[in-house]
Amino acid sequence: MLLARKENATETYAKLKDEYLTIKALLNVSGVNLVDIDKIKE
């Protein structure tokens, strides 16, 4: 995801970010704490 952002692939980055946020929300609802392992900080 960071590579897509670095290469200025805006559409790819946007799609990956949407999928990332969906997965993150599902894991959060499941009780997985992602604060410690989340590398993507904006």
N, C-alpha and C. Protein backbone atom coordinates (compact mmCIF):
# COMPACT_ATOMS: atom_id res chain seq x y z
N MET A 1 0.82 -1.18 0.00
CA MET A 1 0.00 0.00 0.00
C MET A 1 0.87 1.25 0.00
N LEU A 2 1.89 1.24 0.79
CA LEU A 2 2.79 2.39 0.82
C LEU A 2 3.52 2.54 -0.51
N LEU A 3 3.83 1.42 -1.15
CA LEU A 3 4.49 1.47 -2.45
C LEU A 3 3.58 2.10 -3.50
N ALA A 4 2.31 1.78 -3.47
CA ALA A 4 1.36 2.39 -4.42
C ALA A 4 1.29 3.89 -4.19
N ARG A 5 1.34 4.30 -2.96
CA ARG A 5 1.31 5.74 -2.65
C ARG A 5 2.60 6.40 -3.13
N LYS A 6 3.71 5.74 -2.91
CA LYS A 6 5.02 6.29 -3.32
C LYS A 6 5.11 6.43 -4.83
N GLU A 7 4.54 5.48 -5.55
CA GLU A 7 4.60 5.51 -7.01
C GLU A 7 3.51 6.40 -7.60
N ASN A 8 2.74 7.06 -6.74
CA ASN A 8 1.67 7.97 -7.17
C ASN A 8 0.58 7.25 -7.95
N ALA A 9 0.29 6.04 -7.57
CA ALA A 9 -0.81 5.27 -8.16
C ALA A 9 -2.05 5.56 -7.34
N THR A 10 -2.65 6.69 -7.58
CA THR A 10 -3.71 7.20 -6.71
C THR A 10 -4.93 6.28 -6.68
N GLU A 11 -5.34 5.75 -7.83
CA GLU A 11 -6.51 4.86 -7.84
C GLU A 11 -6.23 3.57 -7.09
N THR A 12 -5.05 3.01 -7.31
CA THR A 12 -4.66 1.78 -6.62
C THR A 12 -4.59 2.02 -5.11
N TYR A 13 -3.98 3.13 -4.74
CA TYR A 13 -3.86 3.46 -3.32
C TYR A 13 -5.23 3.62 -2.68
N ALA A 14 -6.14 4.31 -3.36
CA ALA A 14 -7.47 4.53 -2.81
C ALA A 14 -8.21 3.21 -2.61
N LYS A 15 -8.10 2.30 -3.57
CA LYS A 15 -8.77 1.00 -3.46
C LYS A 15 -8.16 0.17 -2.32
N LEU A 16 -6.84 0.15 -2.25
CA LEU A 16 -6.17 -0.59 -1.18
C LEU A 16 -6.53 -0.02 0.18
N LYS A 17 -6.61 1.30 0.28
CA LYS A 17 -6.94 1.93 1.55
C LYS A 17 -8.36 1.55 1.98
N ASP A 18 -9.30 1.53 1.02
CA ASP A 18 -10.67 1.12 1.34
C ASP A 18 -10.70 -0.31 1.87
N GLU A 19 -9.98 -1.21 1.20
CA GLU A 19 -9.95 -2.60 1.63
C GLU A 19 -9.28 -2.74 3.00
N TYR A 20 -8.21 -1.99 3.20
CA TYR A 20 -7.49 -2.00 4.47
C TYR A 20 -8.40 -1.56 5.62
N LEU A 21 -9.16 -0.48 5.39
CA LEU A 21 -10.05 0.01 6.44
C LEU A 21 -11.17 -0.97 6.73
N THR A 22 -11.66 -1.66 5.71
CA THR A 22 -12.70 -2.67 5.90
C THR A 22 -12.17 -3.82 6.75
N ILE A 23 -11.00 -4.30 6.39
CA ILE A 23 -10.39 -5.41 7.15
C ILE A 23 -10.10 -4.98 8.58
N LYS A 24 -9.59 -3.76 8.73
CA LYS A 24 -9.27 -3.25 10.06
C LYS A 24 -10.53 -3.16 10.93
N ALA A 25 -11.64 -2.70 10.33
CA ALA A 25 -12.90 -2.60 11.08
C ALA A 25 -13.40 -3.99 11.48
N LEU A 26 -13.32 -4.95 10.57
CA LEU A 26 -13.77 -6.31 10.90
C LEU A 26 -12.93 -6.92 12.02
N LEU A 27 -11.64 -6.72 11.96
CA LEU A 27 -10.78 -7.25 13.02
C LEU A 27 -11.05 -6.55 14.35
N ASN A 28 -11.30 -5.26 14.29
CA ASN A 28 -11.59 -4.51 15.51
C ASN A 28 -12.88 -5.01 16.16
N VAL A 29 -13.90 -5.27 15.35
CA VAL A 29 -15.16 -5.80 15.87
C VAL A 29 -14.96 -7.18 16.47
N SER A 30 -14.01 -7.93 15.90
CA SER A 30 -13.72 -9.28 16.39
C SER A 30 -12.90 -9.27 17.67
N GLY A 31 -12.47 -8.09 18.09
CA GLY A 31 -11.73 -7.98 19.34
C GLY A 31 -10.22 -7.95 19.19
N VAL A 32 -9.73 -7.84 17.97
CA VAL A 32 -8.29 -7.78 17.74
C VAL A 32 -7.84 -6.34 17.91
N ASN A 33 -6.86 -6.10 18.77
CA ASN A 33 -6.32 -4.77 19.00
C ASN A 33 -5.22 -4.50 17.97
N LEU A 34 -5.46 -3.58 17.07
CA LEU A 34 -4.51 -3.29 16.00
C LEU A 34 -3.61 -2.09 16.28
N VAL A 35 -3.78 -1.47 17.42
CA VAL A 35 -3.02 -0.26 17.74
C VAL A 35 -1.52 -0.55 17.74
N ASP A 36 -1.12 -1.66 18.30
CA ASP A 36 0.30 -1.96 18.42
C ASP A 36 0.93 -2.43 17.12
N ILE A 37 0.13 -3.01 16.22
CA ILE A 37 0.73 -3.55 14.99
C ILE A 37 0.41 -2.73 13.75
N ASP A 38 -0.31 -1.64 13.89
CA ASP A 38 -0.68 -0.82 12.75
C ASP A 38 0.52 0.02 12.30
N LYS A 39 1.04 -0.26 11.11
CA LYS A 39 2.21 0.47 10.60
C LYS A 39 1.82 1.70 9.80
N ILE A 40 0.60 1.75 9.32
CA ILE A 40 0.19 2.86 8.45
C ILE A 40 -0.33 4.00 9.33
N LYS A 41 0.40 5.07 9.35
CA LYS A 41 0.03 6.26 10.10
C LYS A 41 -0.03 7.41 9.12
N GLU A 42 -1.16 8.09 9.09
CA GLU A 42 -1.29 9.22 8.16
C GLU A 42 -1.32 10.52 8.92
